[in-house]
Amino acid sequence: MNMKIQNISNNFYNYSQTKISFKSSMPVETLKHVNIGQAKNGFIGKVKALKANGEEALLNVYKHASFLKEIYFLKDNAENVIGEIELRIKKAQDYDKVAFSNDPSHVFVETLRNYSDPKTPFYRKGLEEYKQIGTRLLQIAQRRSDESLCNGNIELISKHESFDFYYKLGFKNQSLSWGANPYKLYLPPEAKEALSKRYYGL
């Protein structure tokens, strides 16, 4: 009888220890398993980033979507806007299959900004500097492209100072023909997986 009581006591102790240990590790609500398109406006999760000193950080992601466009903000815990992306989903219901060998549906990025980067014209004085912001915002755009059945396609027109950033992520000129805008870029198929997995993904 004493042995049974001792076993029950030991089992309870082990269960209690496990339960306490579980509670001590707070789950992080990242966007890894979130359907961003179905999420309501407001806070939708967190993304990882790096501070300029190399310290890891979590930034809050806020969504503001309307019929015409979607805007996503990355904010710190003091509600400062660190980064912003504005995009439109351009789904081709029908298209010229002679001119386009593949479905031209895509997400068009109208605005992408890291307000904490002092090397950009959008820098907001007093913000702590964060790295990886542009990549995280593009990963959100890529997720929305996949969710909207746009095959992960992204297009944008780069600012002159941002061209090297997009080039390093694998973006290419949409057209090299005479008179084409050299800053109009798209994400080619061979660069899609690398972008989605960069910095371990969303």
N, C-alpha and C. Protein backbone atom coordinates (compact mmCIF):
# COMPACT_ATOMS: atom_id res chain seq x y z
N MET A 1 0.83 -1.20 0.00
CA MET A 1 0.00 0.00 0.00
C MET A 1 0.86 1.25 0.00
N ASN A 2 1.88 1.27 0.86
CA ASN A 2 2.77 2.42 0.91
C ASN A 2 3.49 2.61 -0.43
N MET A 3 3.83 1.47 -1.07
CA MET A 3 4.52 1.52 -2.34
C MET A 3 3.61 2.15 -3.41
N LYS A 4 2.29 1.79 -3.39
CA LYS A 4 1.35 2.36 -4.36
C LYS A 4 1.22 3.86 -4.16
N ILE A 5 1.11 4.28 -2.90
CA ILE A 5 0.99 5.71 -2.61
C ILE A 5 2.24 6.43 -3.08
N GLN A 6 3.40 5.83 -2.87
CA GLN A 6 4.65 6.45 -3.28
C GLN A 6 4.71 6.59 -4.80
N ASN A 7 4.24 5.54 -5.54
CA ASN A 7 4.24 5.60 -7.00
C ASN A 7 3.31 6.69 -7.51
N ILE A 8 2.12 6.77 -6.88
CA ILE A 8 1.16 7.81 -7.27
C ILE A 8 1.76 9.18 -7.00
N SER A 9 2.42 9.32 -5.84
CA SER A 9 3.04 10.58 -5.48
C SER A 9 4.14 10.95 -6.48
N ASN A 10 4.95 9.96 -6.88
CA ASN A 10 6.03 10.20 -7.83
C ASN A 10 5.48 10.61 -9.19
N ASN A 11 4.40 9.92 -9.62
CA ASN A 11 3.79 10.26 -10.91
C ASN A 11 3.25 11.68 -10.90
N PHE A 12 2.60 12.05 -9.80
CA PHE A 12 2.06 13.40 -9.69
C PHE A 12 3.18 14.43 -9.72
N TYR A 13 4.28 14.12 -9.05
CA TYR A 13 5.42 15.04 -9.00
C TYR A 13 6.01 15.23 -10.41
N ASN A 14 6.16 14.11 -11.15
CA ASN A 14 6.71 14.20 -12.49
C ASN A 14 5.79 14.99 -13.41
N TYR A 15 4.46 14.76 -13.29
CA TYR A 15 3.49 15.48 -14.11
C TYR A 15 3.54 16.97 -13.78
N SER A 16 3.62 17.28 -12.49
CA SER A 16 3.65 18.68 -12.08
C SER A 16 4.90 19.36 -12.62
N GLN A 17 6.03 18.66 -12.56
CA GLN A 17 7.27 19.24 -13.05
C GLN A 17 7.17 19.53 -14.55
N THR A 18 6.60 18.57 -15.29
CA THR A 18 6.45 18.75 -16.73
C THR A 18 5.55 19.94 -17.03
N LYS A 19 4.46 20.03 -16.29
CA LYS A 19 3.50 21.10 -16.52
C LYS A 19 4.13 22.47 -16.24
N ILE A 20 4.86 22.59 -15.17
CA ILE A 20 5.51 23.84 -14.80
C ILE A 20 6.54 24.22 -15.86
N SER A 21 7.29 23.24 -16.32
CA SER A 21 8.31 23.48 -17.33
C SER A 21 7.67 24.00 -18.61
N PHE A 22 6.50 23.42 -19.00
CA PHE A 22 5.81 23.83 -20.21
C PHE A 22 5.34 25.28 -20.08
N LYS A 23 4.82 25.63 -18.94
CA LYS A 23 4.31 26.98 -18.74
C LYS A 23 5.41 28.03 -18.77
N SER A 24 6.60 27.64 -18.42
CA SER A 24 7.68 28.62 -18.32
C SER A 24 8.20 29.04 -19.70
N SER A 25 7.93 28.23 -20.71
CA SER A 25 8.38 28.59 -22.06
C SER A 25 7.20 29.12 -22.85
N MET A 26 7.14 30.43 -23.03
CA MET A 26 6.02 31.08 -23.71
C MET A 26 6.10 30.79 -25.21
N PRO A 27 5.00 30.30 -25.83
CA PRO A 27 5.01 30.08 -27.27
C PRO A 27 5.05 31.41 -28.02
N VAL A 28 5.81 31.46 -29.10
CA VAL A 28 5.94 32.69 -29.89
C VAL A 28 4.98 32.63 -31.08
N GLU A 29 4.15 33.64 -31.22
CA GLU A 29 3.16 33.67 -32.29
C GLU A 29 3.78 34.25 -33.56
N THR A 30 4.65 33.50 -34.22
CA THR A 30 5.21 33.98 -35.48
C THR A 30 4.20 33.70 -36.60
N LEU A 31 4.54 34.14 -37.81
CA LEU A 31 3.64 33.97 -38.95
C LEU A 31 3.85 32.65 -39.67
N LYS A 32 4.66 31.76 -39.09
CA LYS A 32 5.04 30.53 -39.77
C LYS A 32 3.82 29.73 -40.24
N HIS A 33 2.80 29.60 -39.40
CA HIS A 33 1.64 28.78 -39.74
C HIS A 33 0.37 29.62 -39.89
N VAL A 34 0.53 30.92 -40.09
CA VAL A 34 -0.63 31.81 -40.19
C VAL A 34 -1.02 31.99 -41.65
N ASN A 35 -2.32 31.87 -41.94
CA ASN A 35 -2.82 32.26 -43.25
C ASN A 35 -3.03 33.77 -43.19
N ILE A 36 -2.10 34.51 -43.74
CA ILE A 36 -2.09 35.96 -43.59
C ILE A 36 -3.31 36.59 -44.25
N GLY A 37 -3.70 36.05 -45.40
CA GLY A 37 -4.84 36.61 -46.11
C GLY A 37 -6.14 36.49 -45.35
N GLN A 38 -6.31 35.41 -44.60
CA GLN A 38 -7.54 35.20 -43.84
C GLN A 38 -7.54 35.91 -42.50
N ALA A 39 -6.37 36.38 -42.07
CA ALA A 39 -6.28 37.07 -40.78
C ALA A 39 -7.00 38.42 -40.86
N LYS A 40 -7.66 38.80 -39.77
CA LYS A 40 -8.36 40.07 -39.72
C LYS A 40 -7.38 41.22 -39.54
N ASN A 41 -7.82 42.41 -39.86
CA ASN A 41 -6.97 43.59 -39.66
C ASN A 41 -6.59 43.73 -38.19
N GLY A 42 -5.39 44.24 -37.98
CA GLY A 42 -4.87 44.37 -36.62
C GLY A 42 -3.66 43.48 -36.45
N PHE A 43 -3.34 43.17 -35.21
CA PHE A 43 -2.17 42.34 -34.91
C PHE A 43 -2.39 40.92 -35.42
N ILE A 44 -1.41 40.38 -36.18
CA ILE A 44 -1.57 39.03 -36.72
C ILE A 44 -0.44 38.09 -36.32
N GLY A 45 0.59 38.58 -35.65
CA GLY A 45 1.68 37.70 -35.23
C GLY A 45 2.99 38.47 -35.13
N LYS A 46 4.08 37.72 -35.08
CA LYS A 46 5.40 38.33 -34.91
C LYS A 46 6.37 37.78 -35.95
N VAL A 47 7.41 38.57 -36.22
CA VAL A 47 8.51 38.10 -37.06
C VAL A 47 9.82 38.37 -36.34
N LYS A 48 10.80 37.55 -36.65
CA LYS A 48 12.12 37.72 -36.04
C LYS A 48 12.94 38.71 -36.87
N ALA A 49 13.77 39.46 -36.18
CA ALA A 49 14.69 40.40 -36.83
C ALA A 49 15.93 40.52 -35.97
N LEU A 50 16.89 41.28 -36.44
CA LEU A 50 18.12 41.54 -35.69
C LEU A 50 18.26 43.03 -35.45
N LYS A 51 18.66 43.37 -34.25
CA LYS A 51 19.04 44.75 -33.99
C LYS A 51 20.43 44.97 -34.57
N ALA A 52 20.80 46.22 -34.72
CA ALA A 52 22.09 46.55 -35.32
C ALA A 52 23.26 45.98 -34.53
N ASN A 53 23.05 45.77 -33.22
CA ASN A 53 24.12 45.22 -32.37
C ASN A 53 24.18 43.69 -32.41
N GLY A 54 23.33 43.07 -33.25
CA GLY A 54 23.33 41.62 -33.38
C GLY A 54 22.35 40.91 -32.46
N GLU A 55 21.67 41.63 -31.60
CA GLU A 55 20.71 41.04 -30.67
C GLU A 55 19.44 40.65 -31.42
N GLU A 56 18.94 39.43 -31.16
CA GLU A 56 17.70 38.98 -31.78
C GLU A 56 16.50 39.72 -31.19
N ALA A 57 15.51 39.95 -32.01
CA ALA A 57 14.32 40.67 -31.56
C ALA A 57 13.10 40.12 -32.27
N LEU A 58 11.94 40.32 -31.65
CA LEU A 58 10.66 39.98 -32.26
C LEU A 58 9.89 41.27 -32.49
N LEU A 59 9.40 41.43 -33.71
CA LEU A 59 8.60 42.61 -34.04
C LEU A 59 7.16 42.19 -34.29
N ASN A 60 6.25 43.05 -33.92
CA ASN A 60 4.82 42.78 -34.08
C ASN A 60 4.37 43.14 -35.48
N VAL A 61 3.56 42.27 -36.09
CA VAL A 61 3.06 42.49 -37.45
C VAL A 61 1.60 42.92 -37.38
N TYR A 62 1.30 44.04 -38.00
CA TYR A 62 -0.07 44.55 -38.06
C TYR A 62 -0.51 44.61 -39.52
N LYS A 63 -1.75 44.25 -39.73
CA LYS A 63 -2.33 44.21 -41.08
C LYS A 63 -3.41 45.26 -41.23
N HIS A 64 -3.41 45.92 -42.39
CA HIS A 64 -4.51 46.81 -42.74
C HIS A 64 -4.84 46.54 -44.21
N ALA A 65 -5.91 45.82 -44.45
CA ALA A 65 -6.28 45.44 -45.81
C ALA A 65 -7.62 46.06 -46.19
N SER A 66 -7.70 46.49 -47.44
CA SER A 66 -8.95 46.99 -48.00
C SER A 66 -9.18 46.27 -49.32
N PHE A 67 -10.22 46.65 -50.02
CA PHE A 67 -10.54 46.01 -51.30
C PHE A 67 -9.41 46.23 -52.30
N LEU A 68 -8.75 47.38 -52.22
CA LEU A 68 -7.77 47.75 -53.22
C LEU A 68 -6.35 47.28 -52.92
N LYS A 69 -5.96 47.30 -51.63
CA LYS A 69 -4.57 46.98 -51.32
C LYS A 69 -4.43 46.45 -49.90
N GLU A 70 -3.24 45.96 -49.60
CA GLU A 70 -2.92 45.47 -48.27
C GLU A 70 -1.65 46.16 -47.78
N ILE A 71 -1.66 46.55 -46.52
CA ILE A 71 -0.49 47.17 -45.91
C ILE A 71 -0.14 46.39 -44.66
N TYR A 72 1.15 46.09 -44.49
CA TYR A 72 1.64 45.39 -43.32
C TYR A 72 2.71 46.24 -42.65
N PHE A 73 2.58 46.38 -41.35
CA PHE A 73 3.52 47.18 -40.56
C PHE A 73 4.27 46.28 -39.59
N LEU A 74 5.55 46.52 -39.42
CA LEU A 74 6.33 45.88 -38.36
C LEU A 74 6.55 46.92 -37.28
N LYS A 75 6.14 46.61 -36.05
CA LYS A 75 6.25 47.56 -34.95
C LYS A 75 7.02 46.95 -33.79
N ASP A 76 7.73 47.81 -33.06
CA ASP A 76 8.38 47.34 -31.85
C ASP A 76 7.36 47.38 -30.71
N ASN A 77 7.78 47.00 -29.52
CA ASN A 77 6.83 46.94 -28.40
C ASN A 77 6.37 48.31 -27.92
N ALA A 78 7.06 49.35 -28.36
CA ALA A 78 6.63 50.72 -28.03
C ALA A 78 5.72 51.30 -29.11
N GLU A 79 5.29 50.44 -30.05
CA GLU A 79 4.38 50.82 -31.14
C GLU A 79 5.03 51.70 -32.19
N ASN A 80 6.36 51.78 -32.20
CA ASN A 80 7.04 52.49 -33.27
C ASN A 80 7.01 51.65 -34.55
N VAL A 81 6.68 52.27 -35.68
CA VAL A 81 6.68 51.55 -36.95
C VAL A 81 8.11 51.43 -37.45
N ILE A 82 8.60 50.20 -37.54
CA ILE A 82 9.97 49.93 -37.99
C ILE A 82 10.01 49.72 -39.49
N GLY A 83 9.03 49.02 -40.02
CA GLY A 83 8.99 48.74 -41.45
C GLY A 83 7.57 48.70 -41.97
N GLU A 84 7.43 48.83 -43.28
CA GLU A 84 6.10 48.86 -43.89
C GLU A 84 6.17 48.34 -45.32
N ILE A 85 5.16 47.57 -45.70
CA ILE A 85 5.03 47.13 -47.09
C ILE A 85 3.59 47.35 -47.53
N GLU A 86 3.44 47.88 -48.72
CA GLU A 86 2.13 48.09 -49.31
C GLU A 86 2.09 47.30 -50.61
N LEU A 87 1.07 46.48 -50.78
CA LEU A 87 1.03 45.61 -51.95
C LEU A 87 -0.37 45.49 -52.53
N ARG A 88 -0.40 45.10 -53.78
CA ARG A 88 -1.65 44.81 -54.48
C ARG A 88 -1.56 43.42 -55.10
N ILE A 89 -2.64 42.69 -55.03
CA ILE A 89 -2.67 41.35 -55.63
C ILE A 89 -3.27 41.48 -57.02
N LYS A 90 -2.51 41.09 -58.03
CA LYS A 90 -2.94 41.20 -59.41
C LYS A 90 -3.13 39.80 -59.99
N LYS A 91 -4.33 39.30 -59.81
CA LYS A 91 -4.66 37.95 -60.26
C LYS A 91 -5.22 38.00 -61.67
N ALA A 92 -4.57 37.30 -62.59
CA ALA A 92 -5.03 37.26 -63.98
C ALA A 92 -6.09 36.18 -64.13
N GLN A 93 -7.33 36.59 -64.36
CA GLN A 93 -8.41 35.63 -64.57
C GLN A 93 -8.29 34.98 -65.95
N ASP A 94 -7.81 35.77 -66.89
CA ASP A 94 -7.56 35.27 -68.24
C ASP A 94 -6.35 36.03 -68.79
N TYR A 95 -5.57 35.43 -69.61
CA TYR A 95 -4.38 36.11 -70.12
C TYR A 95 -3.98 35.54 -71.48
N ASP A 96 -3.18 36.31 -72.19
CA ASP A 96 -2.71 35.94 -73.51
C ASP A 96 -1.65 34.85 -73.39
N LYS A 97 -2.02 33.64 -73.73
CA LYS A 97 -1.11 32.51 -73.54
C LYS A 97 0.00 32.46 -74.59
N VAL A 98 -0.11 33.32 -75.60
CA VAL A 98 0.97 33.44 -76.58
C VAL A 98 2.05 34.38 -76.04
N ALA A 99 1.60 35.50 -75.49
CA ALA A 99 2.54 36.48 -74.93
C ALA A 99 3.14 36.00 -73.62
N PHE A 100 2.35 35.22 -72.84
CA PHE A 100 2.81 34.74 -71.53
C PHE A 100 2.79 33.21 -71.51
N SER A 101 3.97 32.61 -71.37
CA SER A 101 4.03 31.15 -71.30
C SER A 101 3.54 30.62 -69.97
N ASN A 102 3.63 31.46 -68.92
CA ASN A 102 3.15 31.09 -67.59
C ASN A 102 2.14 32.12 -67.11
N ASP A 103 1.37 31.74 -66.11
CA ASP A 103 0.37 32.65 -65.53
C ASP A 103 1.08 33.90 -65.00
N PRO A 104 0.70 35.09 -65.49
CA PRO A 104 1.38 36.32 -65.06
C PRO A 104 0.87 36.89 -63.74
N SER A 105 -0.03 36.19 -63.07
CA SER A 105 -0.55 36.67 -61.78
C SER A 105 0.61 36.93 -60.82
N HIS A 106 0.50 37.99 -60.03
CA HIS A 106 1.60 38.33 -59.12
C HIS A 106 1.13 39.29 -58.04
N VAL A 107 1.96 39.47 -57.05
CA VAL A 107 1.79 40.52 -56.05
C VAL A 107 2.71 41.66 -56.46
N PHE A 108 2.13 42.85 -56.57
CA PHE A 108 2.93 44.01 -56.92
C PHE A 108 3.20 44.82 -55.65
N VAL A 109 4.47 45.00 -55.34
CA VAL A 109 4.88 45.74 -54.15
C VAL A 109 4.99 47.22 -54.52
N GLU A 110 4.13 48.03 -53.94
CA GLU A 110 4.14 49.46 -54.24
C GLU A 110 5.08 50.23 -53.31
N THR A 111 5.18 49.77 -52.07
CA THR A 111 6.03 50.46 -51.09
C THR A 111 6.70 49.43 -50.20
N LEU A 112 7.99 49.59 -49.96
CA LEU A 112 8.71 48.76 -48.99
C LEU A 112 9.74 49.66 -48.31
N ARG A 113 9.60 49.81 -46.99
CA ARG A 113 10.47 50.74 -46.28
C ARG A 113 10.92 50.19 -44.93
N ASN A 114 12.18 50.46 -44.63
CA ASN A 114 12.73 50.20 -43.30
C ASN A 114 13.02 51.57 -42.69
N TYR A 115 12.14 52.01 -41.81
CA TYR A 115 12.27 53.35 -41.23
C TYR A 115 13.41 53.45 -40.22
N SER A 116 13.96 52.31 -39.82
CA SER A 116 15.02 52.32 -38.81
C SER A 116 16.41 52.37 -39.41
N ASP A 117 16.51 52.31 -40.73
CA ASP A 117 17.81 52.27 -41.39
C ASP A 117 18.28 53.70 -41.70
N PRO A 118 19.32 54.17 -41.02
CA PRO A 118 19.77 55.55 -41.23
C PRO A 118 20.38 55.81 -42.60
N LYS A 119 20.60 54.74 -43.39
CA LYS A 119 21.19 54.90 -44.72
C LYS A 119 20.13 55.11 -45.81
N THR A 120 18.85 55.14 -45.42
CA THR A 120 17.78 55.35 -46.40
C THR A 120 17.13 56.71 -46.20
N PRO A 121 16.48 57.23 -47.25
CA PRO A 121 15.80 58.53 -47.11
C PRO A 121 14.55 58.46 -46.25
N PHE A 122 14.13 57.25 -45.87
CA PHE A 122 12.91 57.10 -45.07
C PHE A 122 13.19 56.99 -43.57
N TYR A 123 14.44 57.10 -43.21
CA TYR A 123 14.84 56.95 -41.81
C TYR A 123 14.09 57.94 -40.90
N ARG A 124 13.58 57.40 -39.78
CA ARG A 124 12.90 58.22 -38.78
C ARG A 124 13.81 58.37 -37.57
N LYS A 125 14.22 59.57 -37.36
CA LYS A 125 15.19 59.87 -36.31
C LYS A 125 14.73 59.35 -34.96
N GLY A 126 15.67 58.72 -34.26
CA GLY A 126 15.39 58.23 -32.91
C GLY A 126 15.05 56.75 -32.85
N LEU A 127 14.76 56.13 -34.01
CA LEU A 127 14.44 54.69 -34.00
C LEU A 127 15.70 53.86 -33.84
N GLU A 128 15.59 52.80 -33.07
CA GLU A 128 16.69 51.84 -32.98
C GLU A 128 16.79 51.11 -34.31
N GLU A 129 18.01 50.88 -34.77
CA GLU A 129 18.20 50.26 -36.08
C GLU A 129 17.97 48.75 -36.04
N TYR A 130 17.24 48.25 -37.04
CA TYR A 130 16.98 46.82 -37.19
C TYR A 130 17.44 46.36 -38.56
N LYS A 131 17.92 45.11 -38.61
CA LYS A 131 18.31 44.46 -39.86
C LYS A 131 17.23 43.47 -40.28
N GLN A 132 17.31 42.99 -41.52
CA GLN A 132 16.43 41.95 -42.07
C GLN A 132 15.00 42.42 -42.32
N ILE A 133 14.73 43.70 -42.15
CA ILE A 133 13.36 44.20 -42.26
C ILE A 133 12.82 44.03 -43.68
N GLY A 134 13.60 44.45 -44.67
CA GLY A 134 13.15 44.33 -46.06
C GLY A 134 12.87 42.89 -46.45
N THR A 135 13.72 41.99 -46.02
CA THR A 135 13.52 40.57 -46.34
C THR A 135 12.25 40.04 -45.71
N ARG A 136 12.02 40.37 -44.44
CA ARG A 136 10.81 39.90 -43.77
C ARG A 136 9.55 40.41 -44.48
N LEU A 137 9.57 41.67 -44.88
CA LEU A 137 8.41 42.23 -45.57
C LEU A 137 8.19 41.55 -46.92
N LEU A 138 9.26 41.25 -47.63
CA LEU A 138 9.11 40.54 -48.90
C LEU A 138 8.63 39.11 -48.70
N GLN A 139 9.01 38.49 -47.59
CA GLN A 139 8.51 37.15 -47.29
C GLN A 139 7.00 37.18 -47.03
N ILE A 140 6.52 38.26 -46.45
CA ILE A 140 5.07 38.43 -46.28
C ILE A 140 4.41 38.55 -47.65
N ALA A 141 5.00 39.35 -48.54
CA ALA A 141 4.46 39.50 -49.90
C ALA A 141 4.46 38.16 -50.63
N GLN A 142 5.52 37.39 -50.45
CA GLN A 142 5.61 36.09 -51.10
C GLN A 142 4.54 35.13 -50.56
N ARG A 143 4.32 35.15 -49.26
CA ARG A 143 3.27 34.31 -48.67
C ARG A 143 1.91 34.69 -49.24
N ARG A 144 1.66 35.99 -49.35
CA ARG A 144 0.38 36.44 -49.90
C ARG A 144 0.24 36.03 -51.37
N SER A 145 1.35 36.02 -52.09
CA SER A 145 1.32 35.58 -53.48
C SER A 145 0.95 34.10 -53.56
N ASP A 146 1.53 33.29 -52.69
CA ASP A 146 1.20 31.86 -52.65
C ASP A 146 -0.26 31.64 -52.25
N GLU A 147 -0.70 32.35 -51.21
CA GLU A 147 -2.07 32.19 -50.72
C GLU A 147 -3.09 32.60 -51.78
N SER A 148 -2.74 33.57 -52.61
CA SER A 148 -3.66 34.09 -53.63
C SER A 148 -3.53 33.35 -54.96
N LEU A 149 -2.80 32.25 -54.94
CA LEU A 149 -2.58 31.43 -56.14
C LEU A 149 -1.90 32.22 -57.25
N CYS A 150 -0.94 33.04 -56.84
CA CYS A 150 -0.11 33.80 -57.79
C CYS A 150 1.27 33.17 -57.92
N ASN A 151 1.40 31.94 -57.47
CA ASN A 151 2.62 31.14 -57.68
C ASN A 151 3.88 31.74 -57.06
N GLY A 152 3.73 32.55 -56.02
CA GLY A 152 4.89 33.15 -55.37
C GLY A 152 5.51 34.27 -56.18
N ASN A 153 4.83 34.72 -57.23
CA ASN A 153 5.38 35.77 -58.09
C ASN A 153 5.28 37.14 -57.41
N ILE A 154 6.37 37.89 -57.49
CA ILE A 154 6.42 39.25 -56.95
C ILE A 154 7.01 40.16 -58.01
N GLU A 155 6.42 41.33 -58.16
CA GLU A 155 6.98 42.35 -59.04
C GLU A 155 7.04 43.68 -58.29
N LEU A 156 7.95 44.53 -58.71
CA LEU A 156 8.10 45.84 -58.07
C LEU A 156 8.96 46.75 -58.93
N ILE A 157 8.94 48.01 -58.60
CA ILE A 157 9.85 48.97 -59.22
C ILE A 157 10.76 49.48 -58.11
N SER A 158 12.04 49.20 -58.27
CA SER A 158 13.01 49.51 -57.22
C SER A 158 13.42 50.98 -57.26
N LYS A 159 13.66 51.52 -56.08
CA LYS A 159 14.35 52.81 -55.99
C LYS A 159 15.82 52.57 -56.34
N HIS A 160 16.48 53.61 -56.81
CA HIS A 160 17.88 53.47 -57.21
C HIS A 160 18.75 52.93 -56.06
N GLU A 161 18.51 53.45 -54.84
CA GLU A 161 19.36 53.07 -53.71
C GLU A 161 19.07 51.66 -53.21
N SER A 162 17.95 51.07 -53.64
CA SER A 162 17.55 49.74 -53.17
C SER A 162 17.87 48.64 -54.17
N PHE A 163 18.35 48.99 -55.34
CA PHE A 163 18.52 48.01 -56.41
C PHE A 163 19.44 46.87 -56.00
N ASP A 164 20.55 47.17 -55.37
CA ASP A 164 21.49 46.12 -54.97
C ASP A 164 20.86 45.14 -53.98
N PHE A 165 20.00 45.65 -53.09
CA PHE A 165 19.32 44.80 -52.11
C PHE A 165 18.47 43.76 -52.83
N TYR A 166 17.67 44.19 -53.79
CA TYR A 166 16.81 43.26 -54.52
C TYR A 166 17.64 42.31 -55.38
N TYR A 167 18.69 42.83 -55.96
CA TYR A 167 19.55 42.00 -56.80
C TYR A 167 20.15 40.84 -55.99
N LYS A 168 20.57 41.12 -54.76
CA LYS A 168 21.14 40.07 -53.90
C LYS A 168 20.11 39.01 -53.53
N LEU A 169 18.84 39.38 -53.50
CA LEU A 169 17.78 38.41 -53.20
C LEU A 169 17.36 37.61 -54.43
N GLY A 170 17.94 37.94 -55.58
CA GLY A 170 17.67 37.17 -56.80
C GLY A 170 16.69 37.81 -57.76
N PHE A 171 16.21 39.01 -57.46
CA PHE A 171 15.30 39.68 -58.39
C PHE A 171 16.03 40.00 -59.70
N LYS A 172 15.26 39.99 -60.78
CA LYS A 172 15.82 40.27 -62.10
C LYS A 172 15.00 41.34 -62.82
N ASN A 173 15.64 41.95 -63.83
CA ASN A 173 14.93 42.92 -64.67
C ASN A 173 13.81 42.21 -65.42
N GLN A 174 12.67 42.86 -65.45
CA GLN A 174 11.53 42.24 -66.13
C GLN A 174 11.76 42.17 -67.63
N SER A 175 12.40 43.18 -68.18
CA SER A 175 12.67 43.19 -69.61
C SER A 175 13.97 43.95 -69.87
N LEU A 176 14.77 43.43 -70.76
CA LEU A 176 16.02 44.10 -71.12
C LEU A 176 15.88 44.80 -72.47
N SER A 177 14.64 44.87 -73.00
CA SER A 177 14.43 45.50 -74.30
C SER A 177 14.64 47.00 -74.20
N TRP A 178 14.90 47.62 -75.34
CA TRP A 178 15.17 49.05 -75.39
C TRP A 178 13.98 49.84 -74.86
N GLY A 179 14.24 50.81 -74.00
CA GLY A 179 13.18 51.65 -73.48
C GLY A 179 12.51 51.10 -72.24
N ALA A 180 12.83 49.86 -71.85
CA ALA A 180 12.19 49.27 -70.66
C ALA A 180 12.78 49.90 -69.40
N ASN A 181 11.98 49.92 -68.35
CA ASN A 181 12.43 50.48 -67.07
C ASN A 181 13.42 49.50 -66.43
N PRO A 182 14.67 49.86 -66.27
CA PRO A 182 15.66 48.93 -65.71
C PRO A 182 15.42 48.62 -64.23
N TYR A 183 14.56 49.39 -63.59
CA TYR A 183 14.29 49.17 -62.17
C TYR A 183 12.99 48.39 -61.94
N LYS A 184 12.35 47.96 -63.02
CA LYS A 184 11.17 47.10 -62.87
C LYS A 184 11.66 45.67 -62.75
N LEU A 185 11.43 45.07 -61.59
CA LEU A 185 12.00 43.78 -61.25
C LEU A 185 10.93 42.73 -60.97
N TYR A 186 11.33 41.48 -61.10
CA TYR A 186 10.45 40.36 -60.73
C TYR A 186 11.29 39.29 -60.05
N LEU A 187 10.61 38.44 -59.28
CA LEU A 187 11.28 37.33 -58.59
C LEU A 187 11.18 36.09 -59.46
N PRO A 188 12.30 35.62 -60.04
CA PRO A 188 12.25 34.46 -60.92
C PRO A 188 12.07 33.16 -60.14
N PRO A 189 11.63 32.10 -60.82
CA PRO A 189 11.36 30.82 -60.13
C PRO A 189 12.54 30.30 -59.31
N GLU A 190 13.76 30.46 -59.82
CA GLU A 190 14.92 29.90 -59.12
C GLU A 190 15.27 30.65 -57.85
N ALA A 191 14.68 31.83 -57.62
CA ALA A 191 14.99 32.60 -56.42
C ALA A 191 13.90 32.51 -55.36
N LYS A 192 12.79 31.86 -55.67
CA LYS A 192 11.64 31.87 -54.75
C LYS A 192 11.91 31.10 -53.46
N GLU A 193 12.46 29.90 -53.58
CA GLU A 193 12.69 29.09 -52.37
C GLU A 193 13.73 29.75 -51.47
N ALA A 194 14.76 30.32 -52.07
CA ALA A 194 15.82 30.97 -51.28
C ALA A 194 15.26 32.14 -50.48
N LEU A 195 14.37 32.91 -51.09
CA LEU A 195 13.77 34.03 -50.37
C LEU A 195 12.91 33.53 -49.22
N SER A 196 12.10 32.51 -49.47
CA SER A 196 11.19 32.01 -48.43
C SER A 196 11.94 31.43 -47.23
N LYS A 197 13.16 30.93 -47.46
CA LYS A 197 13.93 30.29 -46.38
C LYS A 197 15.00 31.20 -45.78
N ARG A 198 15.16 32.40 -46.33
CA ARG A 198 16.20 33.30 -45.85
C ARG A 198 15.96 33.66 -44.38
N TYR A 199 17.01 33.63 -43.58
CA TYR A 199 16.91 33.87 -42.14
C TYR A 199 15.89 32.91 -41.51
N TYR A 200 15.81 31.69 -42.01
CA TYR A 200 14.93 30.63 -41.50
C TYR A 200 13.46 30.92 -41.77
N GLY A 201 13.14 31.85 -42.63
CA GLY A 201 11.77 32.11 -43.03
C GLY A 201 10.92 32.77 -41.97
N LEU A 202 9.66 32.98 -42.31
CA LEU A 202 8.74 33.62 -41.38
C LEU A 202 8.51 32.75 -40.15
